[in-house]
PDB file of N, CA and C in Angstrom:
ATOM      1  N   UNK A   1       1.009  15.834  -5.871  1.00  0.00           N
ATOM      2  CA  UNK A   1       1.651  16.088  -4.602  1.00  0.00           C
ATOM      3  C   UNK A   1       3.043  16.642  -4.823  1.00  0.00           C
ATOM      4  N   UNK A   2       3.441  17.537  -4.013  1.00  0.00           N
ATOM      5  CA  UNK A   2       4.786  18.093  -4.125  1.00  0.00           C
ATOM      6  C   UNK A   2       5.768  17.197  -3.392  1.00  0.00           C
ATOM      7  N   UNK A   3       7.057  17.429  -3.632  1.00  0.00           N
ATOM      8  CA  UNK A   3       8.097  16.603  -3.015  1.00  0.00           C
ATOM      9  C   UNK A   3       8.028  16.672  -1.488  1.00  0.00           C
ATOM     10  N   UNK A   4       7.508  17.759  -0.942  1.00  0.00           N
ATOM     11  CA  UNK A   4       7.449  17.903   0.506  1.00  0.00           C
ATOM     12  C   UNK A   4       6.255  17.204   1.140  1.00  0.00           C
ATOM     13  N   UNK A   5       5.289  16.782   0.331  1.00  0.00           N
ATOM     14  CA  UNK A   5       4.103  16.120   0.838  1.00  0.00           C
ATOM     15  C   UNK A   5       4.370  14.637   0.981  1.00  0.00           C
ATOM     16  N   UNK A   6       3.993  14.102   2.135  1.00  0.00           N
ATOM     17  CA  UNK A   6       4.223  12.685   2.377  1.00  0.00           C
ATOM     18  C   UNK A   6       2.935  12.033   2.803  1.00  0.00           C
ATOM     19  N   UNK A   7       2.767  10.811   2.364  1.00  0.00           N
ATOM     20  CA  UNK A   7       1.583  10.064   2.735  1.00  0.00           C
ATOM     21  C   UNK A   7       1.934   8.587   2.796  1.00  0.00           C
ATOM     22  N   UNK A   8       1.483   7.931   3.841  1.00  0.00           N
ATOM     23  CA  UNK A   8       1.629   6.492   3.973  1.00  0.00           C
ATOM     24  C   UNK A   8       0.286   5.951   4.415  1.00  0.00           C
ATOM     25  N   UNK A   9      -0.286   5.063   3.617  1.00  0.00           N
ATOM     26  CA  UNK A   9      -1.561   4.442   3.959  1.00  0.00           C
ATOM     27  C   UNK A   9      -1.369   2.939   3.976  1.00  0.00           C
ATOM     28  N   UNK A  10      -1.920   2.283   4.993  1.00  0.00           N
ATOM     29  CA  UNK A  10      -1.820   0.841   5.122  1.00  0.00           C
ATOM     30  C   UNK A  10      -3.227   0.291   5.314  1.00  0.00           C
ATOM     31  N   UNK A  11      -3.581  -0.712   4.506  1.00  0.00           N
ATOM     32  CA  UNK A  11      -4.876  -1.379   4.634  1.00  0.00           C
ATOM     33  C   UNK A  11      -4.643  -2.874   4.577  1.00  0.00           C
ATOM     34  N   UNK A  12      -5.506  -3.639   5.250  1.00  0.00           N
ATOM     35  CA  UNK A  12      -5.459  -5.095   5.165  1.00  0.00           C
ATOM     36  C   UNK A  12      -6.654  -5.575   4.355  1.00  0.00           C
ATOM     37  N   UNK A  13      -6.425  -6.587   3.544  1.00  0.00           N
ATOM     38  CA  UNK A  13      -7.536  -7.231   2.849  1.00  0.00           C
ATOM     39  C   UNK A  13      -8.252  -8.140   3.850  1.00  0.00           C
ATOM     40  N   UNK A  14      -9.441  -8.565   3.504  1.00  0.00           N
ATOM     41  CA  UNK A  14     -10.302  -9.322   4.400  1.00  0.00           C
ATOM     42  C   UNK A  14      -9.612 -10.535   5.013  1.00  0.00           C
ATOM     43  N   UNK A  15      -8.886 -11.313   4.230  1.00  0.00           N
ATOM     44  CA  UNK A  15      -8.292 -12.536   4.772  1.00  0.00           C
ATOM     45  C   UNK A  15      -7.042 -12.273   5.619  1.00  0.00           C
ATOM     46  N   UNK A  16      -6.561 -11.026   5.629  1.00  0.00           N
ATOM     47  CA  UNK A  16      -5.420 -10.670   6.461  1.00  0.00           C
ATOM     48  C   UNK A  16      -4.062 -11.059   5.915  1.00  0.00           C
ATOM     49  N   UNK A  17      -4.022 -11.745   4.791  1.00  0.00           N
ATOM     50  CA  UNK A  17      -2.742 -12.152   4.218  1.00  0.00           C
ATOM     51  C   UNK A  17      -2.210 -11.126   3.207  1.00  0.00           C
ATOM     52  N   UNK A  18      -3.046 -10.193   2.806  1.00  0.00           N
ATOM     53  CA  UNK A  18      -2.643  -9.182   1.832  1.00  0.00           C
ATOM     54  C   UNK A  18      -2.692  -7.817   2.492  1.00  0.00           C
ATOM     55  N   UNK A  19      -1.592  -7.088   2.366  1.00  0.00           N
ATOM     56  CA  UNK A  19      -1.550  -5.724   2.890  1.00  0.00           C
ATOM     57  C   UNK A  19      -1.382  -4.778   1.699  1.00  0.00           C
ATOM     58  N   UNK A  20      -2.186  -3.732   1.693  1.00  0.00           N
ATOM     59  CA  UNK A  20      -2.122  -2.704   0.660  1.00  0.00           C
ATOM     60  C   UNK A  20      -1.403  -1.511   1.253  1.00  0.00           C
ATOM     61  N   UNK A  21      -0.339  -1.078   0.599  1.00  0.00           N
ATOM     62  CA  UNK A  21       0.453   0.050   1.080  1.00  0.00           C
ATOM     63  C   UNK A  21       0.535   1.078  -0.037  1.00  0.00           C
ATOM     64  N   UNK A  22       0.146   2.297   0.278  1.00  0.00           N
ATOM     65  CA  UNK A  22       0.250   3.402  -0.677  1.00  0.00           C
ATOM     66  C   UNK A  22       1.220   4.418  -0.103  1.00  0.00           C
ATOM     67  N   UNK A  23       2.193   4.790  -0.916  1.00  0.00           N
ATOM     68  CA  UNK A  23       3.224   5.719  -0.461  1.00  0.00           C
ATOM     69  C   UNK A  23       3.353   6.864  -1.451  1.00  0.00           C
ATOM     70  N   UNK A  24       3.421   8.069  -0.911  1.00  0.00           N
ATOM     71  CA  UNK A  24       3.724   9.259  -1.703  1.00  0.00           C
ATOM     72  C   UNK A  24       4.764  10.060  -0.935  1.00  0.00           C
ATOM     73  N   UNK A  25       5.634  10.737  -1.638  1.00  0.00           N
ATOM     74  CA  UNK A  25       6.665  11.531  -0.974  1.00  0.00           C
ATOM     75  C   UNK A  25       7.870  10.698  -0.614  1.00  0.00           C
ATOM     76  N   UNK A  26       8.477  10.984   0.529  1.00  0.00           N
ATOM     77  CA  UNK A  26       9.702  10.322   0.982  1.00  0.00           C
ATOM     78  C   UNK A  26       9.427   9.564   2.271  1.00  0.00           C
ATOM     79  N   UNK A  27       9.867   8.299   2.329  1.00  0.00           N
ATOM     80  CA  UNK A  27       9.688   7.494   3.539  1.00  0.00           C
ATOM     81  C   UNK A  27      10.675   7.899   4.614  1.00  0.00           C
ATOM     82  N   UNK A  28      10.187   7.913   5.860  1.00  0.00           N
ATOM     83  CA  UNK A  28      11.017   8.282   7.005  1.00  0.00           C
ATOM     84  C   UNK A  28      11.031   7.137   8.017  1.00  0.00           C
ATOM     85  N   UNK A  29      11.869   7.259   9.018  1.00  0.00           N
ATOM     86  CA  UNK A  29      11.919   6.285  10.112  1.00  0.00           C
ATOM     87  C   UNK A  29      10.550   6.168  10.770  1.00  0.00           C
ATOM     88  N   UNK A  30       9.861   7.283  10.981  1.00  0.00           N
ATOM     89  CA  UNK A  30       8.539   7.257  11.601  1.00  0.00           C
ATOM     90  C   UNK A  30       7.555   6.401  10.806  1.00  0.00           C
ATOM     91  N   UNK A  31       7.666   6.451   9.467  1.00  0.00           N
ATOM     92  CA  UNK A  31       6.797   5.613   8.633  1.00  0.00           C
ATOM     93  C   UNK A  31       7.032   4.138   8.935  1.00  0.00           C
ATOM     94  N   UNK A  32       8.292   3.759   9.092  1.00  0.00           N
ATOM     95  CA  UNK A  32       8.611   2.362   9.404  1.00  0.00           C
ATOM     96  C   UNK A  32       8.114   1.978  10.788  1.00  0.00           C
ATOM     97  N   UNK A  33       8.116   2.914  11.717  1.00  0.00           N
ATOM     98  CA  UNK A  33       7.615   2.624  13.062  1.00  0.00           C
ATOM     99  C   UNK A  33       6.101   2.401  13.047  1.00  0.00           C
ATOM    100  N   UNK A  34       5.407   2.911  12.043  1.00  0.00           N
ATOM    101  CA  UNK A  34       3.981   2.641  11.865  1.00  0.00           C
ATOM    102  C   UNK A  34       3.761   1.335  11.111  1.00  0.00           C
ATOM    103  N   UNK A  35       4.506   1.156  10.048  1.00  0.00           N
ATOM    104  CA  UNK A  35       4.306   0.056   9.111  1.00  0.00           C
ATOM    105  C   UNK A  35       4.784  -1.292   9.655  1.00  0.00           C
ATOM    106  N   UNK A  36       5.992  -1.343  10.184  1.00  0.00           N
ATOM    107  CA  UNK A  36       6.601  -2.613  10.583  1.00  0.00           C
ATOM    108  C   UNK A  36       5.796  -3.344  11.660  1.00  0.00           C
ATOM    109  N   UNK A  37       5.374  -2.701  12.753  1.00  0.00           N
ATOM    110  CA  UNK A  37       4.592  -3.447  13.750  1.00  0.00           C
ATOM    111  C   UNK A  37       3.300  -4.031  13.175  1.00  0.00           C
ATOM    112  N   UNK A  38       2.644  -3.288  12.305  1.00  0.00           N
ATOM    113  CA  UNK A  38       1.411  -3.781  11.684  1.00  0.00           C
ATOM    114  C   UNK A  38       1.700  -5.015  10.829  1.00  0.00           C
ATOM    115  N   UNK A  39       2.736  -4.949  10.026  1.00  0.00           N
ATOM    116  CA  UNK A  39       3.090  -6.078   9.171  1.00  0.00           C
ATOM    117  C   UNK A  39       3.533  -7.275  10.011  1.00  0.00           C
ATOM    118  N   UNK A  40       4.264  -7.034  11.087  1.00  0.00           N
ATOM    119  CA  UNK A  40       4.703  -8.134  11.952  1.00  0.00           C
ATOM    120  C   UNK A  40       3.517  -8.815  12.638  1.00  0.00           C
ATOM    121  N   UNK A  41       2.481  -8.047  12.994  1.00  0.00           N
ATOM    122  CA  UNK A  41       1.266  -8.649  13.556  1.00  0.00           C
ATOM    123  C   UNK A  41       0.605  -9.569  12.522  1.00  0.00           C
ATOM    124  N   UNK A  42       0.562  -9.104  11.279  1.00  0.00           N
ATOM    125  CA  UNK A  42      -0.040  -9.911  10.216  1.00  0.00           C
ATOM    126  C   UNK A  42       0.753 -11.195   9.998  1.00  0.00           C
ATOM    127  N   UNK A  43       2.072 -11.103   9.992  1.00  0.00           N
ATOM    128  CA  UNK A  43       2.925 -12.280   9.801  1.00  0.00           C
ATOM    129  C   UNK A  43       2.713 -13.268  10.947  1.00  0.00           C
ATOM    130  N   UNK A  44       2.634 -12.759  12.158  1.00  0.00           N
ATOM    131  CA  UNK A  44       2.429 -13.623  13.327  1.00  0.00           C
ATOM    132  C   UNK A  44       1.068 -14.329  13.244  1.00  0.00           C
ATOM    133  N   UNK A  45       0.053 -13.625  12.762  1.00  0.00           N
ATOM    134  CA  UNK A  45      -1.297 -14.196  12.676  1.00  0.00           C
ATOM    135  C   UNK A  45      -1.498 -15.116  11.484  1.00  0.00           C
ATOM    136  N   UNK A  46      -0.893 -14.785  10.348  1.00  0.00           N
ATOM    137  CA  UNK A  46      -1.213 -15.478   9.099  1.00  0.00           C
ATOM    138  C   UNK A  46      -0.040 -16.180   8.437  1.00  0.00           C
ATOM    139  N   UNK A  47       1.144 -16.070   8.985  1.00  0.00           N
ATOM    140  CA  UNK A  47       2.308 -16.638   8.302  1.00  0.00           C
ATOM    141  C   UNK A  47       2.739 -15.716   7.177  1.00  0.00           C
ATOM    142  N   UNK A  48       3.082 -16.278   6.035  1.00  0.00           N
ATOM    143  CA  UNK A  48       3.541 -15.462   4.912  1.00  0.00           C
ATOM    144  C   UNK A  48       2.442 -14.505   4.453  1.00  0.00           C
ATOM    145  N   UNK A  49       2.844 -13.287   4.110  1.00  0.00           N
ATOM    146  CA  UNK A  49       1.902 -12.277   3.635  1.00  0.00           C
ATOM    147  C   UNK A  49       2.269 -11.846   2.222  1.00  0.00           C
ATOM    148  N   UNK A  50       1.357 -11.147   1.606  1.00  0.00           N
ATOM    149  CA  UNK A  50       1.556 -10.573   0.274  1.00  0.00           C
ATOM    150  C   UNK A  50       1.385  -9.064   0.389  1.00  0.00           C
ATOM    151  N   UNK A  51       2.241  -8.329  -0.317  1.00  0.00           N
ATOM    152  CA  UNK A  51       2.213  -6.868  -0.230  1.00  0.00           C
ATOM    153  C   UNK A  51       1.947  -6.278  -1.611  1.00  0.00           C
ATOM    154  N   UNK A  52       0.945  -5.413  -1.666  1.00  0.00           N
ATOM    155  CA  UNK A  52       0.624  -4.619  -2.848  1.00  0.00           C
ATOM    156  C   UNK A  52       1.109  -3.207  -2.524  1.00  0.00           C
ATOM    157  N   UNK A  53       2.193  -2.788  -3.139  1.00  0.00           N
ATOM    158  CA  UNK A  53       2.828  -1.500  -2.845  1.00  0.00           C
ATOM    159  C   UNK A  53       2.598  -0.552  -4.008  1.00  0.00           C
ATOM    160  N   UNK A  54       1.871   0.536  -3.749  1.00  0.00           N
ATOM    161  CA  UNK A  54       1.572   1.522  -4.789  1.00  0.00           C
ATOM    162  C   UNK A  54       2.330   2.814  -4.487  1.00  0.00           C
ATOM    163  N   UNK A  55       3.172   3.215  -5.424  1.00  0.00           N
ATOM    164  CA  UNK A  55       3.995   4.411  -5.266  1.00  0.00           C
ATOM    165  C   UNK A  55       3.446   5.523  -6.149  1.00  0.00           C
ATOM    166  N   UNK A  56       3.267   6.698  -5.550  1.00  0.00           N
ATOM    167  CA  UNK A  56       2.802   7.865  -6.310  1.00  0.00           C
ATOM    168  C   UNK A  56       3.661   9.050  -5.897  1.00  0.00           C
ATOM    169  N   UNK A  57       4.303   9.679  -6.858  1.00  0.00           N
ATOM    170  CA  UNK A  57       5.170  10.829  -6.574  1.00  0.00           C
ATOM    171  C   UNK A  57       6.174  10.455  -5.483  1.00  0.00           C
ATOM    172  N   UNK A  58       6.746   9.260  -5.613  1.00  0.00           N
ATOM    173  CA  UNK A  58       7.649   8.705  -4.605  1.00  0.00           C
ATOM    174  C   UNK A  58       9.041   9.307  -4.761  1.00  0.00           C
ATOM    175  N   UNK A  59       9.642   9.688  -3.623  1.00  0.00           N
ATOM    176  CA  UNK A  59      10.959  10.338  -3.644  1.00  0.00           C
ATOM    177  C   UNK A  59      12.004   9.569  -2.861  1.00  0.00           C
ATOM    178  N   UNK A  60      11.745   8.271  -2.595  1.00  0.00           N
ATOM    179  CA  UNK A  60      12.751   7.444  -1.941  1.00  0.00           C
ATOM    180  C   UNK A  60      12.661   7.473  -0.432  1.00  0.00           C
ATOM    181  N   UNK A  61      13.821   7.252   0.207  1.00  0.00           N
ATOM    182  CA  UNK A  61      13.907   7.102   1.648  1.00  0.00           C
ATOM    183  C   UNK A  61      14.871   8.102   2.239  1.00  0.00           C
ATOM    184  N   UNK A  62      14.633   8.479   3.491  1.00  0.00           N
ATOM    185  CA  UNK A  62      15.674   9.173   4.242  1.00  0.00           C
ATOM    186  C   UNK A  62      16.713   8.110   4.593  1.00  0.00           C
ATOM    187  N   UNK A  63      17.912   8.520   5.012  1.00  0.00           N
ATOM    188  CA  UNK A  63      18.957   7.555   5.351  1.00  0.00           C
ATOM    189  C   UNK A  63      18.493   6.615   6.461  1.00  0.00           C
ATOM    190  N   UNK A  64      17.849   7.164   7.481  1.00  0.00           N
ATOM    191  CA  UNK A  64      17.357   6.341   8.586  1.00  0.00           C
ATOM    192  C   UNK A  64      16.301   5.352   8.137  1.00  0.00           C
ATOM    193  N   UNK A  65      15.436   5.762   7.230  1.00  0.00           N
ATOM    194  CA  UNK A  65      14.396   4.876   6.724  1.00  0.00           C
ATOM    195  C   UNK A  65      15.000   3.753   5.885  1.00  0.00           C
ATOM    196  N   UNK A  66      16.028   4.063   5.131  1.00  0.00           N
ATOM    197  CA  UNK A  66      16.700   3.037   4.335  1.00  0.00           C
ATOM    198  C   UNK A  66      17.297   1.964   5.246  1.00  0.00           C
ATOM    199  N   UNK A  67      17.861   2.372   6.379  1.00  0.00           N
ATOM    200  CA  UNK A  67      18.398   1.430   7.359  1.00  0.00           C
ATOM    201  C   UNK A  67      17.270   0.571   7.947  1.00  0.00           C
ATOM    202  N   UNK A  68      16.141   1.199   8.287  1.00  0.00           N
ATOM    203  CA  UNK A  68      14.994   0.445   8.813  1.00  0.00           C
ATOM    204  C   UNK A  68      14.511  -0.577   7.786  1.00  0.00           C
ATOM    205  N   UNK A  69      14.511  -0.185   6.513  1.00  0.00           N
ATOM    206  CA  UNK A  69      14.097  -1.079   5.443  1.00  0.00           C
ATOM    207  C   UNK A  69      15.036  -2.280   5.358  1.00  0.00           C
ATOM    208  N   UNK A  70      16.328  -2.045   5.440  1.00  0.00           N
ATOM    209  CA  UNK A  70      17.318  -3.123   5.374  1.00  0.00           C
ATOM    210  C   UNK A  70      17.136  -4.086   6.550  1.00  0.00           C
ATOM    211  N   UNK A  71      16.908  -3.552   7.750  1.00  0.00           N
ATOM    212  CA  UNK A  71      16.700  -4.404   8.927  1.00  0.00           C
ATOM    213  C   UNK A  71      15.440  -5.254   8.763  1.00  0.00           C
ATOM    214  N   UNK A  72      14.376  -4.641   8.251  1.00  0.00           N
ATOM    215  CA  UNK A  72      13.129  -5.363   8.033  1.00  0.00           C
ATOM    216  C   UNK A  72      13.346  -6.486   7.020  1.00  0.00           C
ATOM    217  N   UNK A  73      14.010  -6.176   5.904  1.00  0.00           N
ATOM    218  CA  UNK A  73      14.245  -7.172   4.862  1.00  0.00           C
ATOM    219  C   UNK A  73      15.031  -8.362   5.398  1.00  0.00           C
ATOM    220  N   UNK A  74      16.048  -8.105   6.214  1.00  0.00           N
ATOM    221  CA  UNK A  74      16.862  -9.172   6.779  1.00  0.00           C
ATOM    222  C   UNK A  74      16.038 -10.039   7.730  1.00  0.00           C
ATOM    223  N   UNK A  75      15.254  -9.413   8.585  1.00  0.00           N
ATOM    224  CA  UNK A  75      14.461 -10.132   9.586  1.00  0.00           C
ATOM    225  C   UNK A  75      13.346 -10.944   8.946  1.00  0.00           C
ATOM    226  N   UNK A  76      12.748 -10.410   7.884  1.00  0.00           N
ATOM    227  CA  UNK A  76      11.569 -11.047   7.285  1.00  0.00           C
ATOM    228  C   UNK A  76      11.841 -11.590   5.882  1.00  0.00           C
ATOM    229  N   UNK A  77      13.062 -12.048   5.666  1.00  0.00           N
ATOM    230  CA  UNK A  77      13.504 -12.577   4.373  1.00  0.00           C
ATOM    231  C   UNK A  77      12.520 -13.608   3.809  1.00  0.00           C
ATOM    232  N   UNK A  78      11.982 -14.481   4.658  1.00  0.00           N
ATOM    233  CA  UNK A  78      11.105 -15.576   4.219  1.00  0.00           C
ATOM    234  C   UNK A  78       9.623 -15.338   4.486  1.00  0.00           C
ATOM    235  N   UNK A  79       9.241 -14.184   5.006  1.00  0.00           N
ATOM    236  CA  UNK A  79       7.864 -13.962   5.447  1.00  0.00           C
ATOM    237  C   UNK A  79       6.952 -13.311   4.416  1.00  0.00           C
ATOM    238  N   UNK A  80       7.493 -12.901   3.299  1.00  0.00           N
ATOM    239  CA  UNK A  80       6.684 -12.255   2.273  1.00  0.00           C
ATOM    240  C   UNK A  80       6.627 -13.185   1.065  1.00  0.00           C
ATOM    241  N   UNK A  81       5.409 -13.521   0.679  1.00  0.00           N
ATOM    242  CA  UNK A  81       5.201 -14.478  -0.402  1.00  0.00           C
ATOM    243  C   UNK A  81       5.239 -13.798  -1.775  1.00  0.00           C
ATOM    244  N   UNK A  82       4.569 -12.673  -1.896  1.00  0.00           N
ATOM    245  CA  UNK A  82       4.540 -11.907  -3.145  1.00  0.00           C
ATOM    246  C   UNK A  82       4.600 -10.416  -2.828  1.00  0.00           C
ATOM    247  N   UNK A  83       5.261  -9.689  -3.724  1.00  0.00           N
ATOM    248  CA  UNK A  83       5.351  -8.232  -3.610  1.00  0.00           C
ATOM    249  C   UNK A  83       5.085  -7.638  -4.980  1.00  0.00           C
ATOM    250  N   UNK A  84       3.972  -6.924  -5.100  1.00  0.00           N
ATOM    251  CA  UNK A  84       3.640  -6.207  -6.336  1.00  0.00           C
ATOM    252  C   UNK A  84       3.969  -4.741  -6.111  1.00  0.00           C
ATOM    253  N   UNK A  85       4.816  -4.189  -6.957  1.00  0.00           N
ATOM    254  CA  UNK A  85       5.167  -2.766  -6.879  1.00  0.00           C
ATOM    255  C   UNK A  85       4.515  -2.073  -8.067  1.00  0.00           C
ATOM    256  N   UNK A  86       3.638  -1.124  -7.780  1.00  0.00           N
ATOM    257  CA  UNK A  86       2.968  -0.335  -8.822  1.00  0.00           C
ATOM    258  C   UNK A  86       3.570   1.053  -8.762  1.00  0.00           C
ATOM    259  N   UNK A  87       4.193   1.483  -9.870  1.00  0.00           N
ATOM    260  CA  UNK A  87       4.876   2.768  -9.847  1.00  0.00           C
ATOM    261  C   UNK A  87       4.796   3.529 -11.148  1.00  0.00           C
ATOM    262  N   UNK A  88       5.386   4.712 -11.112  1.00  0.00           N
ATOM    263  CA  UNK A  88       5.290   5.652 -12.222  1.00  0.00           C
ATOM    264  C   UNK A  88       6.608   5.875 -12.947  1.00  0.00           C
ATOM    265  N   UNK A  89       7.716   5.531 -12.310  1.00  0.00           N
ATOM    266  CA  UNK A  89       9.021   5.919 -12.848  1.00  0.00           C
ATOM    267  C   UNK A  89       9.886   4.703 -13.134  1.00  0.00           C
ATOM    268  N   UNK A  90      10.811   4.864 -14.062  1.00  0.00           N
ATOM    269  CA  UNK A  90      11.708   3.783 -14.445  1.00  0.00           C
ATOM    270  C   UNK A  90      12.538   3.288 -13.263  1.00  0.00           C
ATOM    271  N   UNK A  91      13.016   4.205 -12.394  1.00  0.00           N
ATOM    272  CA  UNK A  91      13.842   3.763 -11.272  1.00  0.00           C
ATOM    273  C   UNK A  91      13.035   2.940 -10.276  1.00  0.00           C
ATOM    274  N   UNK A  92      11.713   3.164 -10.215  1.00  0.00           N
ATOM    275  CA  UNK A  92      10.871   2.354  -9.344  1.00  0.00           C
ATOM    276  C   UNK A  92      10.812   0.921  -9.868  1.00  0.00           C
ATOM    277  N   UNK A  93      10.839   0.771 -11.189  1.00  0.00           N
ATOM    278  CA  UNK A  93      10.901  -0.561 -11.791  1.00  0.00           C
ATOM    279  C   UNK A  93      12.196  -1.248 -11.358  1.00  0.00           C
ATOM    280  N   UNK A  94      13.272  -0.488 -11.287  1.00  0.00           N
ATOM    281  CA  UNK A  94      14.551  -1.023 -10.831  1.00  0.00           C
ATOM    282  C   UNK A  94      14.496  -1.504  -9.394  1.00  0.00           C
ATOM    283  N   UNK A  95      13.629  -0.907  -8.575  1.00  0.00           N
ATOM    284  CA  UNK A  95      13.473  -1.348  -7.186  1.00  0.00           C
ATOM    285  C   UNK A  95      13.036  -2.804  -7.124  1.00  0.00           C
ATOM    286  N   UNK A  96      12.175  -3.207  -8.054  1.00  0.00           N
ATOM    287  CA  UNK A  96      11.696  -4.593  -8.067  1.00  0.00           C
ATOM    288  C   UNK A  96      12.852  -5.559  -8.300  1.00  0.00           C
ATOM    289  N   UNK A  97      13.771  -5.179  -9.140  1.00  0.00           N
ATOM    290  CA  UNK A  97      14.945  -6.010  -9.415  1.00  0.00           C
ATOM    291  C   UNK A  97      15.906  -5.959  -8.233  1.00  0.00           C
ATOM    292  N   UNK A  98      16.114  -4.759  -7.681  1.00  0.00           N
ATOM    293  CA  UNK A  98      17.047  -4.564  -6.574  1.00  0.00           C
ATOM    294  C   UNK A  98      16.656  -5.363  -5.335  1.00  0.00           C
ATOM    295  N   UNK A  99      15.366  -5.444  -5.027  1.00  0.00           N
ATOM    296  CA  UNK A  99      14.962  -6.073  -3.768  1.00  0.00           C
ATOM    297  C   UNK A  99      14.908  -7.593  -3.841  1.00  0.00           C
ATOM    298  N   UNK A 100      14.994  -8.196  -5.021  1.00  0.00           N
ATOM    299  CA  UNK A 100      14.897  -9.654  -5.143  1.00  0.00           C
ATOM    300  C   UNK A 100      15.912 -10.419  -4.295  1.00  0.00           C
ATOM    301  N   UNK A 101      17.175  -9.985  -4.199  1.00  0.00           N
ATOM    302  CA  UNK A 101      18.108 -10.754  -3.365  1.00  0.00           C
ATOM    303  C   UNK A 101      17.806 -10.677  -1.866  1.00  0.00           C
ATOM    304  N   UNK A 102      16.940  -9.764  -1.455  1.00  0.00           N
ATOM    305  CA  UNK A 102      16.656  -9.552  -0.036  1.00  0.00           C
ATOM    306  C   UNK A 102      15.388 -10.247   0.446  1.00  0.00           C
ATOM    307  N   UNK A 103      14.783 -11.039  -0.414  1.00  0.00           N
ATOM    308  CA  UNK A 103      13.547 -11.716  -0.058  1.00  0.00           C
ATOM    309  C   UNK A 103      13.378 -12.973  -0.893  1.00  0.00           C
ATOM    310  N   UNK A 104      12.624 -13.940  -0.364  1.00  0.00           N
ATOM    311  CA  UNK A 104      12.265 -15.107  -1.152  1.00  0.00           C
ATOM    312  C   UNK A 104      10.950 -14.869  -1.898  1.00  0.00           C
ATOM    313  N   UNK A 105      10.370 -13.697  -1.726  1.00  0.00           N
ATOM    314  CA  UNK A 105       9.092 -13.366  -2.364  1.00  0.00           C
ATOM    315  C   UNK A 105       9.236 -13.307  -3.881  1.00  0.00           C
ATOM    316  N   UNK A 106       8.115 -13.602  -4.544  1.00  0.00           N
ATOM    317  CA  UNK A 106       8.020 -13.314  -5.975  1.00  0.00           C
ATOM    318  C   UNK A 106       7.768 -11.817  -6.061  1.00  0.00           C
ATOM    319  N   UNK A 107       8.603 -11.098  -6.810  1.00  0.00           N
ATOM    320  CA  UNK A 107       8.512  -9.641  -6.898  1.00  0.00           C
ATOM    321  C   UNK A 107       8.242  -9.270  -8.348  1.00  0.00           C
ATOM    322  N   UNK A 108       7.257  -8.375  -8.532  1.00  0.00           N
ATOM    323  CA  UNK A 108       6.924  -7.955  -9.892  1.00  0.00           C
ATOM    324  C   UNK A 108       6.551  -6.471  -9.898  1.00  0.00           C
ATOM    325  N   UNK A 109       7.008  -5.754 -10.944  1.00  0.00           N
ATOM    326  CA  UNK A 109       6.691  -4.336 -11.126  1.00  0.00           C
ATOM    327  C   UNK A 109       5.562  -4.187 -12.128  1.00  0.00           C
ATOM    328  N   UNK A 110       4.671  -3.251 -11.842  1.00  0.00           N
ATOM    329  CA  UNK A 110       3.572  -2.914 -12.741  1.00  0.00           C
ATOM    330  C   UNK A 110       3.564  -1.408 -12.937  1.00  0.00           C
ATOM    331  N   UNK A 111       3.278  -0.959 -14.158  1.00  0.00           N
ATOM    332  CA  UNK A 111       3.126   0.470 -14.435  1.00  0.00           C
ATOM    333  C   UNK A 111       1.884   0.986 -13.709  1.00  0.00           C
ATOM    334  N   UNK A 112       1.828   2.296 -13.477  1.00  0.00           N
ATOM    335  CA  UNK A 112       0.728   2.908 -12.724  1.00  0.00           C
ATOM    336  C   UNK A 112      -0.646   2.530 -13.275  1.00  0.00           C
ATOM    337  N   UNK A 113      -0.791   2.414 -14.565  1.00  0.00           N
ATOM    338  CA  UNK A 113      -2.081   2.066 -15.161  1.00  0.00           C
ATOM    339  C   UNK A 113      -2.436   0.592 -15.047  1.00  0.00           C
ATOM    340  N   UNK A 114      -1.560  -0.215 -14.456  1.00  0.00           N
ATOM    341  CA  UNK A 114      -1.768  -1.658 -14.365  1.00  0.00           C
ATOM    342  C   UNK A 114      -2.130  -2.123 -12.948  1.00  0.00           C
ATOM    343  N   UNK A 115      -2.668  -1.224 -12.138  1.00  0.00           N
ATOM    344  CA  UNK A 115      -2.978  -1.564 -10.745  1.00  0.00           C
ATOM    345  C   UNK A 115      -3.951  -2.734 -10.644  1.00  0.00           C
ATOM    346  N   UNK A 116      -4.920  -2.797 -11.520  1.00  0.00           N
ATOM    347  CA  UNK A 116      -5.884  -3.897 -11.481  1.00  0.00           C
ATOM    348  C   UNK A 116      -5.199  -5.229 -11.766  1.00  0.00           C
ATOM    349  N   UNK A 117      -4.324  -5.253 -12.750  1.00  0.00           N
ATOM    350  CA  UNK A 117      -3.563  -6.475 -13.058  1.00  0.00           C
ATOM    351  C   UNK A 117      -2.661  -6.852 -11.889  1.00  0.00           C
ATOM    352  N   UNK A 118      -2.062  -5.858 -11.238  1.00  0.00           N
ATOM    353  CA  UNK A 118      -1.206  -6.117 -10.084  1.00  0.00           C
ATOM    354  C   UNK A 118      -2.001  -6.741  -8.952  1.00  0.00           C
ATOM    355  N   UNK A 119      -3.223  -6.263  -8.725  1.00  0.00           N
ATOM    356  CA  UNK A 119      -4.055  -6.817  -7.665  1.00  0.00           C
ATOM    357  C   UNK A 119      -4.455  -8.252  -7.989  1.00  0.00           C
ATOM    358  N   UNK A 120      -4.772  -8.528  -9.246  1.00  0.00           N
ATOM    359  CA  UNK A 120      -5.098  -9.896  -9.626  1.00  0.00           C
ATOM    360  C   UNK A 120      -3.897 -10.813  -9.399  1.00  0.00           C
ATOM    361  N   UNK A 121      -2.697 -10.337  -9.718  1.00  0.00           N
ATOM    362  CA  UNK A 121      -1.485 -11.135  -9.535  1.00  0.00           C
ATOM    363  C   UNK A 121      -1.236 -11.388  -8.053  1.00  0.00           C
ATOM    364  N   UNK A 122      -1.405 -10.363  -7.224  1.00  0.00           N
ATOM    365  CA  UNK A 122      -1.120 -10.510  -5.794  1.00  0.00           C
ATOM    366  C   UNK A 122      -2.144 -11.460  -5.147  1.00  0.00           C
ATOM    367  N   UNK A 123      -3.359 -11.497  -5.668  1.00  0.00           N
ATOM    368  CA  UNK A 123      -4.409 -12.357  -5.114  1.00  0.00           C
ATOM    369  C   UNK A 123      -4.353 -13.784  -5.635  1.00  0.00           C
ATOM    370  N   UNK A 124      -3.643 -14.018  -6.744  1.00  0.00           N
ATOM    371  CA  UNK A 124      -3.609 -15.344  -7.395  1.00  0.00           C
ATOM    372  C   UNK A 124      -2.946 -16.387  -6.515  1.00  0.00           C
TER     373      UNK A 124
END
């Protein structure tokens, strides 16, 4: 995918406590307007949730999306139990470290080839 191509996919696992998110390109405010209500419905229905986040050709956030992310993190500080980040780049690994102060979730980074291990960890 080129830097201009964007994709956001959201899926729920059968029990509703695990959300699978695949992101390519750059996240925008519109992406958060799709993602946040869905995640908030899951939190309301199931309590704490687990997120499996897979990044492919990820180019970060627009300024507005970064603000939406910060607001979400503050509001849902205690609502995420585990966050698995599967990525391709060293700076994406740094995201796992960066987001730890903004959540009580257990956060772990996995290399792109470790998606199966990441799923086992998120389901454990």
